[in-house]
Protein backbone atom coordinates (compact mmCIF):
# COMPACT_ATOMS: atom_id res chain seq x y z
CA MET A 1 35.34 275.90 -102.78
CA THR A 2 39.00 275.18 -103.83
CA GLU A 3 41.48 274.48 -100.99
CA LYS A 4 44.08 277.21 -100.54
CA ASN A 5 47.84 276.55 -101.84
CA PRO A 6 49.71 276.67 -98.55
CA ASP A 7 52.39 278.82 -100.49
CA HIS A 8 50.23 281.44 -101.00
CA ASP A 9 49.16 282.24 -97.09
CA LEU A 10 50.31 285.44 -96.40
CA THR A 11 51.18 284.90 -92.92
CA ASP A 12 53.49 282.21 -93.90
CA ARG A 13 57.44 282.61 -94.25
CA ARG A 14 59.08 282.89 -97.58
CA PHE A 15 62.53 281.11 -96.41
CA TYR A 16 62.27 277.46 -95.29
CA PRO A 17 63.38 276.76 -91.70
CA ALA A 18 66.65 275.29 -91.13
CA GLU A 19 65.16 271.91 -90.75
CA LYS A 20 63.72 272.06 -93.93
CA GLU A 21 66.76 273.00 -96.05
CA ALA A 22 68.93 270.31 -93.83
CA ALA A 23 66.37 267.95 -95.08
CA PHE A 24 66.80 269.08 -98.66
CA SER A 25 70.51 268.61 -98.53
CA LYS A 26 70.43 264.91 -97.08
CA ALA A 27 67.49 264.02 -99.45
CA ASN A 28 69.60 265.24 -102.76
CA PRO A 29 73.11 263.41 -102.12
CA LEU A 30 75.65 265.08 -104.59
CA HIS A 31 79.03 262.32 -105.04
CA THR A 32 81.25 264.98 -106.39
CA PRO A 33 85.04 265.74 -104.91
CA GLN A 34 83.47 268.99 -103.88
CA THR A 35 80.37 267.87 -101.91
CA GLN A 36 82.30 265.28 -100.19
CA HIS A 37 84.82 267.83 -98.79
CA PRO A 38 83.75 269.18 -94.73
CA ALA A 39 83.97 273.02 -96.16
CA TYR A 40 80.94 271.66 -98.33
CA LYS A 41 78.74 270.71 -95.18
CA LEU A 42 76.04 273.27 -93.48
CA ALA A 43 77.70 274.81 -90.66
CA PHE A 44 75.17 273.85 -88.31
CA GLN A 45 75.18 270.28 -88.91
CA ASP A 46 79.33 270.39 -89.28
CA ARG A 47 80.28 269.15 -85.69
CA ASP A 48 83.82 269.46 -86.29
CA PHE A 49 82.98 273.21 -87.21
CA LEU A 50 81.18 274.10 -84.27
CA LEU A 51 83.81 272.47 -81.82
CA ARG A 52 86.50 274.87 -83.15
CA GLU A 53 88.26 277.33 -80.27
CA GLU A 54 86.79 280.51 -82.24
CA LEU A 55 83.45 278.97 -81.95
CA ARG A 56 83.04 279.24 -78.10
CA PRO A 57 80.90 282.56 -78.30
CA VAL A 58 78.34 280.24 -80.17
CA ARG A 59 78.69 277.95 -78.10
CA PHE A 60 78.16 279.96 -75.00
CA GLN A 61 74.91 281.39 -76.66
CA LEU A 62 73.54 277.53 -77.17
CA GLU A 63 74.14 276.65 -73.92
CA LEU A 64 72.03 279.52 -73.16
CA LEU A 65 69.25 278.89 -75.21
CA LYS A 66 68.63 275.57 -75.37
CA PRO A 67 67.59 275.02 -71.61
CA GLU A 68 65.79 278.37 -71.32
CA MET A 69 63.78 277.64 -74.32
CA LEU A 70 62.91 273.89 -73.15
CA LEU A 71 61.97 275.14 -69.85
CA ASP A 72 59.87 277.46 -71.32
CA GLU A 73 58.03 274.87 -73.32
CA ALA A 74 57.59 273.05 -70.53
CA GLY A 75 55.98 275.32 -68.90
CA VAL A 76 58.13 275.80 -65.75
CA GLY A 77 57.88 279.56 -64.23
CA SER A 78 59.49 279.24 -61.47
CA THR A 79 62.32 277.10 -59.59
CA LEU A 80 63.13 275.45 -55.77
CA VAL A 81 66.86 274.96 -56.33
CA MET A 82 68.80 272.70 -53.95
CA TYR A 83 72.52 272.70 -53.76
CA GLY A 84 74.67 270.18 -51.51
CA SER A 85 77.28 267.66 -51.50
CA ALA A 86 77.95 264.54 -53.83
CA ARG A 87 79.03 262.48 -50.88
CA ILE A 88 76.64 261.99 -48.09
CA PRO A 89 75.09 258.86 -48.03
CA SER A 90 71.15 258.20 -48.19
CA PRO A 91 69.99 256.75 -44.64
CA GLU A 92 69.54 253.41 -46.02
CA MET A 93 73.08 253.31 -47.54
CA ALA A 94 74.36 254.58 -44.51
CA GLU A 95 75.43 250.94 -43.00
CA THR A 96 77.05 249.75 -46.28
CA ALA A 97 78.99 252.97 -46.31
CA LEU A 98 80.16 252.35 -43.00
CA ALA A 99 80.70 248.43 -43.13
CA ASN A 100 83.04 249.38 -46.91
CA ALA A 101 84.97 252.48 -45.89
CA PRO A 102 88.77 251.64 -45.32
CA GLU A 103 90.10 251.59 -41.83
CA ASP A 104 92.23 254.71 -42.58
CA LYS A 105 89.31 256.66 -44.35
CA LYS A 106 86.74 255.54 -41.29
CA LYS A 107 86.72 258.96 -39.36
CA ILE A 108 85.79 260.81 -42.55
CA VAL A 109 83.02 258.43 -43.89
CA GLU A 110 81.56 258.50 -40.07
CA ARG A 111 81.34 261.95 -40.63
CA LEU A 112 79.56 261.64 -43.60
CA VAL A 113 77.00 259.19 -42.76
CA ALA A 114 76.22 261.65 -39.37
CA LYS A 115 74.95 263.83 -42.58
CA SER A 116 72.93 261.34 -43.96
CA LYS A 117 69.66 263.14 -41.80
CA TYR A 118 70.24 265.91 -44.61
CA TYR A 119 69.52 263.55 -47.47
CA ALA A 120 66.54 262.45 -45.77
CA GLU A 121 65.35 266.60 -45.39
CA ALA A 122 66.35 267.33 -48.89
CA ARG A 123 63.82 264.52 -49.95
CA LYS A 124 61.16 265.54 -47.86
CA LEU A 125 61.73 269.39 -48.80
CA ALA A 126 61.26 268.69 -52.41
CA ARG A 127 58.41 266.14 -51.47
CA LEU A 128 56.25 268.61 -49.69
CA VAL A 129 56.92 271.67 -51.94
CA SER A 130 55.88 269.25 -54.88
CA GLU A 131 52.79 267.72 -53.65
CA LYS A 132 51.85 271.70 -53.60
CA SER A 133 51.22 271.61 -57.38
CA ILE A 134 51.52 275.46 -57.43
CA VAL A 135 50.55 277.00 -60.96
CA GLU A 136 50.73 280.42 -61.22
CA ASP A 137 49.94 282.19 -64.50
CA GLY A 138 49.42 279.04 -66.60
CA LYS A 139 53.49 277.82 -65.32
CA ARG A 140 54.32 275.53 -62.94
CA GLN A 141 56.14 277.24 -59.73
CA PHE A 142 58.93 276.01 -57.45
CA VAL A 143 59.60 273.18 -59.89
CA ILE A 144 62.55 271.27 -58.06
CA THR A 145 65.84 271.59 -59.64
CA SER A 146 69.24 269.97 -58.50
CA GLY A 147 72.82 269.42 -60.17
CA GLY A 148 71.22 266.30 -61.41
CA GLY A 149 74.05 263.77 -59.62
CA PRO A 150 74.00 261.69 -56.63
CA SER A 151 73.46 262.45 -52.63
CA ILE A 152 71.80 265.28 -51.75
CA MET A 153 70.77 266.37 -55.27
CA GLU A 154 69.39 262.66 -55.78
CA ALA A 155 67.45 263.03 -52.71
CA ALA A 156 65.82 266.57 -54.01
CA ASN A 157 65.22 264.78 -57.27
CA ARG A 158 63.71 261.59 -55.95
CA GLY A 159 61.28 263.52 -53.59
CA ALA A 160 59.63 265.47 -56.48
CA SER A 161 58.96 261.86 -57.98
CA GLU A 162 57.62 260.39 -54.88
CA ALA A 163 55.52 263.20 -55.05
CA GLY A 164 54.28 262.11 -58.81
CA ALA A 165 55.97 265.35 -59.95
CA GLU A 166 58.57 266.35 -62.50
CA SER A 167 62.09 267.67 -61.97
CA ILE A 168 64.71 269.24 -63.39
CA GLY A 169 68.66 268.00 -63.41
CA LEU A 170 71.53 270.48 -64.70
CA ASN A 171 74.31 268.13 -65.04
CA ILE A 172 77.93 268.74 -65.93
CA VAL A 173 80.51 267.23 -68.25
CA LEU A 174 83.41 266.05 -65.62
CA PRO A 175 86.83 264.26 -66.57
CA HIS A 176 85.42 261.13 -64.67
CA GLU A 177 82.27 259.30 -65.85
CA GLN A 178 78.85 260.42 -64.02
CA ALA A 179 75.61 260.15 -65.20
CA PRO A 180 72.25 261.92 -64.10
CA ASN A 181 70.42 260.00 -61.04
CA ALA A 182 67.34 258.21 -62.03
CA TYR A 183 64.76 260.32 -60.56
CA VAL A 184 65.71 263.65 -62.81
CA THR A 185 62.72 263.82 -65.70
CA PRO A 186 64.17 262.90 -68.63
CA TYR A 187 63.01 265.57 -71.01
CA LEU A 188 63.84 268.02 -68.34
CA SER A 189 67.54 266.43 -67.88
CA PHE A 190 70.12 268.91 -69.32
CA GLN A 191 74.14 268.52 -69.77
CA PHE A 192 76.69 271.36 -69.63
CA HIS A 193 79.89 272.05 -71.16
CA TYR A 194 80.37 275.08 -68.91
CA PHE A 195 80.28 275.82 -65.16
CA ALA A 196 79.58 279.28 -65.55
CA LEU A 197 76.46 278.69 -67.90
CA ARG A 198 74.99 275.87 -65.45
CA LYS A 199 75.05 278.02 -62.88
CA MET A 200 73.36 281.06 -64.59
CA HIS A 201 70.78 278.48 -65.44
CA PHE A 202 70.30 277.57 -61.44
CA LEU A 203 69.37 280.70 -60.92
CA LEU A 204 67.40 282.16 -63.83
CA ARG A 205 64.05 280.70 -63.09
CA ALA A 206 64.94 280.20 -58.91
CA LYS A 207 62.46 281.98 -56.53
CA ALA A 208 64.23 279.82 -53.72
CA VAL A 209 67.17 278.23 -52.72
CA ALA A 210 67.90 275.33 -50.22
CA VAL A 211 71.36 274.84 -49.43
CA PHE A 212 72.80 271.51 -47.57
CA PRO A 213 76.54 270.72 -46.23
CA GLY A 214 78.54 270.29 -49.47
CA GLY A 215 82.06 270.86 -50.55
CA PHE A 216 84.12 273.09 -52.96
CA GLY A 217 80.93 273.50 -55.72
CA THR A 218 78.37 273.83 -52.97
CA PHE A 219 80.29 276.58 -51.82
CA ASP A 220 80.96 277.95 -54.93
CA GLU A 221 77.55 278.44 -56.00
CA PHE A 222 76.34 279.09 -52.57
CA PHE A 223 78.54 282.45 -52.30
CA GLU A 224 77.99 283.37 -55.88
CA LEU A 225 74.42 283.99 -54.84
CA LEU A 226 75.32 285.67 -51.64
CA THR A 227 77.46 287.94 -53.72
CA LEU A 228 74.82 288.48 -56.87
CA ILE A 229 72.24 289.50 -54.06
CA GLN A 230 74.54 291.49 -51.83
CA THR A 231 75.46 293.42 -54.39
CA GLY A 232 72.30 294.25 -56.11
CA LYS A 233 72.76 291.91 -59.09
CA MET A 234 69.59 290.07 -58.02
CA LYS A 235 66.65 290.80 -56.03
CA PRO A 236 66.46 288.94 -52.68
CA MET A 237 64.92 285.87 -52.23
CA PRO A 238 64.98 282.70 -49.61
CA ILE A 239 68.28 280.83 -48.89
CA LEU A 240 68.02 278.21 -46.54
CA LEU A 241 70.88 277.13 -45.15
CA PHE A 242 70.41 273.67 -43.85
CA GLY A 243 73.29 272.44 -41.07
CA LYS A 244 74.12 275.51 -38.82
CA GLU A 245 76.82 273.04 -36.88
CA PHE A 246 78.58 272.47 -40.30
CA TRP A 247 78.52 275.71 -41.95
CA ASN A 248 79.98 277.28 -38.28
CA ARG A 249 82.26 274.88 -38.21
CA VAL A 250 83.59 275.26 -41.68
CA ILE A 251 83.03 279.15 -41.86
CA ASP A 252 83.09 282.08 -39.41
CA PHE A 253 80.66 283.81 -40.70
CA GLU A 254 80.35 286.36 -38.06
CA ALA A 255 84.14 286.64 -37.91
CA LEU A 256 83.83 288.05 -41.70
CA ALA A 257 81.31 290.29 -40.24
CA ASP A 258 83.73 291.10 -37.22
CA GLU A 259 86.80 291.86 -39.47
CA GLY A 260 84.55 294.51 -41.72
CA THR A 261 84.75 292.54 -45.07
CA ILE A 262 81.04 292.24 -45.02
CA ASN A 263 78.22 293.87 -43.02
CA HIS A 264 76.73 292.13 -40.07
CA GLU A 265 73.37 292.77 -41.99
CA ASP A 266 74.65 290.44 -44.90
CA LEU A 267 74.21 287.66 -42.56
CA GLY A 268 70.75 288.05 -42.69
CA LEU A 269 70.42 287.20 -46.37
CA PHE A 270 70.29 283.71 -45.40
CA HIS A 271 68.19 281.66 -43.01
CA TRP A 272 69.42 278.63 -40.92
CA CYS A 273 66.56 275.94 -40.93
CA GLU A 274 67.13 271.90 -40.16
CA THR A 275 63.70 270.76 -41.33
CA ALA A 276 61.94 270.92 -44.25
CA GLU A 277 59.00 272.48 -42.77
CA GLU A 278 61.08 275.23 -41.35
CA ALA A 279 62.20 275.69 -44.82
CA TRP A 280 58.82 275.57 -46.30
CA ASP A 281 57.41 277.79 -43.92
CA HIS A 282 60.11 280.69 -44.53
CA ILE A 283 59.37 280.25 -48.40
CA ALA A 284 55.76 280.47 -47.78
CA GLY A 285 56.23 283.66 -45.41
CA PHE A 286 58.80 285.44 -48.03
CA TYR A 287 55.86 285.39 -50.84
CA GLU A 288 53.00 285.62 -48.61
CA LEU A 289 51.76 282.16 -50.02
CA LYS A 290 48.04 281.24 -48.10
CA PRO A 291 48.09 277.54 -46.51
């Protein structure tokens, strides 16, 4: 029996995929004035063209599609997202942070060091959830996801790593040099240009969100999530707010309700937590998970 020619396969596509077309272009270099001009480059291989201002909508779409496709291929069904400060030291670095603090910053550093317990709880929660290795419909559930940076973000990825689990890091390009923390799984480490797309990816697969003390970035992410649920754009989910003393000191939630700018019922959108165990118990209760 003669072997069938793959080009005669009824199910095969007639057009070559872009990868093959690009290979054809590279394999047959033509050195003429026309082929040497940037205009002759394949559009999807022309970096200067892709970075033009008019191509912003295309870059938006690429930044939406790339993580979505790769996470799907990685079998990630849902995530536990962890927001929090990039400045709180780990417990083991607390003494060093205090020792190196300039005299005029001593009190601020002392306040940050006092919050190192939340680094420990974030790490513990990530480890606790990752050890459960919940799989449903062939997809991994509650995969730990952080912003991929230092401090609370590092604690999240570190806890997952200590449980032998993979975790996601959604990093952002910033003017000052920064890199993903060492505990993010390399093939699940993504870099974003647009904050809006990064925040969307935090929530696309989220089934629970843990929010630790933080600054403007944490506030932005936390309040956008509350807004999405309050306005009915997103279904309710467990939002675990760690650090009642901190949050009540920096935001008067009750005053917002008393002033009528939110409803008192809106204060039920999040759940106060101090420990990893409390957080997981709330998540398990919400989804009626068996012990």
